[in-house]
């Protein structure tokens, strides 16, 4: 499984990538949506883990752009703002997605990654 991590908090995203790599998961990270869009021009990913709130292009908009390029890509969102209910209301237009509230525990992230990768492409 190839994982793309996108978060404007460099320490968080680099640490998550390192912890995934220790578990033999191929993880790449960037700190902006623009860098993510550039990276996917040359590399492919099965799963993208996106921060919801980022400058210029937020995580929900980045998901839309990535889906155009890679319809089979799966997504998990990270949010450091608000509650689970706040996130669900704000992300309703994004479809059936998974999310975790920061700070994220690696065990919780691994659980969500397994869950989302088992999800069928038709949303069932």
C-alpha atoms as a PDB file:
ATOM      1  CA  UNK A   1       0.000   0.000   0.000  1.00  0.00           C
ATOM      2  CA  UNK A   2       1.298   3.444  -0.973  1.00  0.00           C
ATOM      3  CA  UNK A   3       0.195   6.296   1.284  1.00  0.00           C
ATOM      4  CA  UNK A   4       0.365  10.047   0.699  1.00  0.00           C
ATOM      5  CA  UNK A   5       0.285  12.233   3.819  1.00  0.00           C
ATOM      6  CA  UNK A   6      -0.555  15.928   3.386  1.00  0.00           C
ATOM      7  CA  UNK A   7      -0.516  18.282   6.370  1.00  0.00           C
ATOM      8  CA  UNK A   8       0.908  21.763   6.833  1.00  0.00           C
ATOM      9  CA  UNK A   9       2.351  20.724  10.219  1.00  0.00           C
ATOM     10  CA  UNK A  10       5.717  19.335   9.106  1.00  0.00           C
ATOM     11  CA  UNK A  11       6.616  17.684  12.399  1.00  0.00           C
ATOM     12  CA  UNK A  12       3.286  15.849  12.571  1.00  0.00           C
ATOM     13  CA  UNK A  13       3.285  14.628   8.974  1.00  0.00           C
ATOM     14  CA  UNK A  14       6.951  13.573   8.970  1.00  0.00           C
ATOM     15  CA  UNK A  15       6.496  11.677  12.247  1.00  0.00           C
ATOM     16  CA  UNK A  16       3.389   9.884  10.957  1.00  0.00           C
ATOM     17  CA  UNK A  17       5.229   8.910   7.773  1.00  0.00           C
ATOM     18  CA  UNK A  18       8.176   7.612   9.781  1.00  0.00           C
ATOM     19  CA  UNK A  19       5.898   5.538  12.026  1.00  0.00           C
ATOM     20  CA  UNK A  20       4.112   4.065   9.014  1.00  0.00           C
ATOM     21  CA  UNK A  21       7.428   3.223   7.371  1.00  0.00           C
ATOM     22  CA  UNK A  22       8.531   1.421  10.556  1.00  0.00           C
ATOM     23  CA  UNK A  23       5.473  -0.787   9.982  1.00  0.00           C
ATOM     24  CA  UNK A  24       6.594  -1.414   6.388  1.00  0.00           C
ATOM     25  CA  UNK A  25       3.984   0.892   4.851  1.00  0.00           C
ATOM     26  CA  UNK A  26       5.293   2.954   1.925  1.00  0.00           C
ATOM     27  CA  UNK A  27       4.499   6.530   3.004  1.00  0.00           C
ATOM     28  CA  UNK A  28       5.424   9.845   1.367  1.00  0.00           C
ATOM     29  CA  UNK A  29       4.617  13.240   2.847  1.00  0.00           C
ATOM     30  CA  UNK A  30       4.297  16.862   1.791  1.00  0.00           C
ATOM     31  CA  UNK A  31       3.265  20.024   3.622  1.00  0.00           C
ATOM     32  CA  UNK A  32       0.920  21.620   1.089  1.00  0.00           C
ATOM     33  CA  UNK A  33      -1.834  20.720  -1.317  1.00  0.00           C
ATOM     34  CA  UNK A  34       0.156  22.186  -4.206  1.00  0.00           C
ATOM     35  CA  UNK A  35       3.109  19.925  -3.368  1.00  0.00           C
ATOM     36  CA  UNK A  36       0.710  16.956  -3.231  1.00  0.00           C
ATOM     37  CA  UNK A  37      -0.686  17.751  -6.677  1.00  0.00           C
ATOM     38  CA  UNK A  38       2.853  17.986  -8.050  1.00  0.00           C
ATOM     39  CA  UNK A  39       3.898  14.699  -6.407  1.00  0.00           C
ATOM     40  CA  UNK A  40       0.957  12.732  -7.830  1.00  0.00           C
ATOM     41  CA  UNK A  41       2.087  13.726 -11.338  1.00  0.00           C
ATOM     42  CA  UNK A  42       5.002  11.300 -10.963  1.00  0.00           C
ATOM     43  CA  UNK A  43       3.923   8.866  -8.231  1.00  0.00           C
ATOM     44  CA  UNK A  44       0.739   6.924  -7.572  1.00  0.00           C
ATOM     45  CA  UNK A  45      -0.885   6.278  -4.203  1.00  0.00           C
ATOM     46  CA  UNK A  46      -3.618   3.987  -2.905  1.00  0.00           C
ATOM     47  CA  UNK A  47      -4.558   6.179   0.040  1.00  0.00           C
ATOM     48  CA  UNK A  48      -4.262   9.878   0.870  1.00  0.00           C
ATOM     49  CA  UNK A  49      -4.365  11.146   4.444  1.00  0.00           C
ATOM     50  CA  UNK A  50      -5.276  14.830   4.276  1.00  0.00           C
ATOM     51  CA  UNK A  51      -5.443  17.618   6.816  1.00  0.00           C
ATOM     52  CA  UNK A  52      -8.821  19.345   6.538  1.00  0.00           C
ATOM     53  CA  UNK A  53      -7.560  22.891   7.171  1.00  0.00           C
ATOM     54  CA  UNK A  54      -4.594  23.935   5.073  1.00  0.00           C
ATOM     55  CA  UNK A  55      -3.700  27.257   3.441  1.00  0.00           C
ATOM     56  CA  UNK A  56      -4.832  27.957  -0.136  1.00  0.00           C
ATOM     57  CA  UNK A  57      -6.343  24.538  -0.971  1.00  0.00           C
ATOM     58  CA  UNK A  58      -8.016  22.761   1.939  1.00  0.00           C
ATOM     59  CA  UNK A  59      -8.202  18.993   2.324  1.00  0.00           C
ATOM     60  CA  UNK A  60     -11.738  18.660   0.960  1.00  0.00           C
ATOM     61  CA  UNK A  61     -10.837  20.566  -2.222  1.00  0.00           C
ATOM     62  CA  UNK A  62      -7.618  18.575  -2.579  1.00  0.00           C
ATOM     63  CA  UNK A  63      -9.633  15.357  -2.361  1.00  0.00           C
ATOM     64  CA  UNK A  64     -11.859  16.529  -5.219  1.00  0.00           C
ATOM     65  CA  UNK A  65      -8.837  17.304  -7.381  1.00  0.00           C
ATOM     66  CA  UNK A  66      -7.123  14.004  -6.586  1.00  0.00           C
ATOM     67  CA  UNK A  67     -10.274  12.019  -7.348  1.00  0.00           C
ATOM     68  CA  UNK A  68     -10.392  13.485 -10.837  1.00  0.00           C
ATOM     69  CA  UNK A  69      -6.883  12.141 -11.451  1.00  0.00           C
ATOM     70  CA  UNK A  70      -7.228   8.893  -9.474  1.00  0.00           C
ATOM     71  CA  UNK A  71     -10.864   7.791  -8.997  1.00  0.00           C
ATOM     72  CA  UNK A  72      -9.862   4.661  -7.042  1.00  0.00           C
ATOM     73  CA  UNK A  73      -7.814   6.568  -4.448  1.00  0.00           C
ATOM     74  CA  UNK A  74      -9.112   6.285  -0.870  1.00  0.00           C
ATOM     75  CA  UNK A  75      -9.074   9.109   1.695  1.00  0.00           C
ATOM     76  CA  UNK A  76      -8.781   9.738   5.413  1.00  0.00           C
ATOM     77  CA  UNK A  77      -9.057  13.243   6.834  1.00  0.00           C
ATOM     78  CA  UNK A  78      -7.271  14.643   9.869  1.00  0.00           C
ATOM     79  CA  UNK A  79      -8.806  17.532  11.746  1.00  0.00           C
ATOM     80  CA  UNK A  80      -7.567  19.502  14.696  1.00  0.00           C
ATOM     81  CA  UNK A  81     -10.609  21.751  14.821  1.00  0.00           C
ATOM     82  CA  UNK A  82     -13.982  21.070  16.369  1.00  0.00           C
ATOM     83  CA  UNK A  83     -15.774  17.878  17.205  1.00  0.00           C
ATOM     84  CA  UNK A  84     -16.699  14.811  15.206  1.00  0.00           C
ATOM     85  CA  UNK A  85     -20.169  16.292  14.588  1.00  0.00           C
ATOM     86  CA  UNK A  86     -18.672  19.585  13.330  1.00  0.00           C
ATOM     87  CA  UNK A  87     -16.517  17.650  10.892  1.00  0.00           C
ATOM     88  CA  UNK A  88     -19.420  15.528   9.633  1.00  0.00           C
ATOM     89  CA  UNK A  89     -21.537  18.605   8.945  1.00  0.00           C
ATOM     90  CA  UNK A  90     -18.711  20.429   7.134  1.00  0.00           C
ATOM     91  CA  UNK A  91     -17.617  17.392   5.132  1.00  0.00           C
ATOM     92  CA  UNK A  92     -21.046  16.104   4.100  1.00  0.00           C
ATOM     93  CA  UNK A  93     -20.446  17.093   0.472  1.00  0.00           C
ATOM     94  CA  UNK A  94     -17.211  15.085   0.399  1.00  0.00           C
ATOM     95  CA  UNK A  95     -19.038  11.749   0.486  1.00  0.00           C
ATOM     96  CA  UNK A  96     -18.404   8.796   2.755  1.00  0.00           C
ATOM     97  CA  UNK A  97     -14.998   9.522   4.212  1.00  0.00           C
ATOM     98  CA  UNK A  98     -13.073   8.573   7.286  1.00  0.00           C
ATOM     99  CA  UNK A  99     -11.534  11.065   9.658  1.00  0.00           C
ATOM    100  CA  UNK A 100      -9.441  11.233  12.802  1.00  0.00           C
ATOM    101  CA  UNK A 101      -9.139  14.088  15.283  1.00  0.00           C
ATOM    102  CA  UNK A 102      -5.606  15.334  16.014  1.00  0.00           C
ATOM    103  CA  UNK A 103      -3.482  14.460  17.820  1.00  0.00           C
ATOM    104  CA  UNK A 104      -3.793  11.095  16.126  1.00  0.00           C
ATOM    105  CA  UNK A 105      -2.527   7.872  17.671  1.00  0.00           C
ATOM    106  CA  UNK A 106      -0.721   5.587  15.255  1.00  0.00           C
ATOM    107  CA  UNK A 107      -2.889   2.608  16.289  1.00  0.00           C
ATOM    108  CA  UNK A 108      -6.058   4.562  15.464  1.00  0.00           C
ATOM    109  CA  UNK A 109      -4.604   5.630  12.134  1.00  0.00           C
ATOM    110  CA  UNK A 110      -3.667   2.053  11.236  1.00  0.00           C
ATOM    111  CA  UNK A 111      -7.199   0.887  12.121  1.00  0.00           C
ATOM    112  CA  UNK A 112      -8.776   3.553   9.888  1.00  0.00           C
ATOM    113  CA  UNK A 113      -6.337   2.772   7.089  1.00  0.00           C
ATOM    114  CA  UNK A 114      -7.333  -0.899   7.157  1.00  0.00           C
ATOM    115  CA  UNK A 115     -11.010   0.038   7.313  1.00  0.00           C
ATOM    116  CA  UNK A 116     -10.895   2.460   4.384  1.00  0.00           C
ATOM    117  CA  UNK A 117      -8.843   0.115   2.206  1.00  0.00           C
ATOM    118  CA  UNK A 118     -11.485  -2.594   2.684  1.00  0.00           C
ATOM    119  CA  UNK A 119     -14.220  -0.201   1.566  1.00  0.00           C
ATOM    120  CA  UNK A 120     -15.676  -0.951  -1.862  1.00  0.00           C
ATOM    121  CA  UNK A 121     -15.312   1.671  -4.575  1.00  0.00           C
ATOM    122  CA  UNK A 122     -19.090   2.064  -4.918  1.00  0.00           C
ATOM    123  CA  UNK A 123     -19.469   3.303  -1.339  1.00  0.00           C
ATOM    124  CA  UNK A 124     -21.091   0.142  -0.012  1.00  0.00           C
END
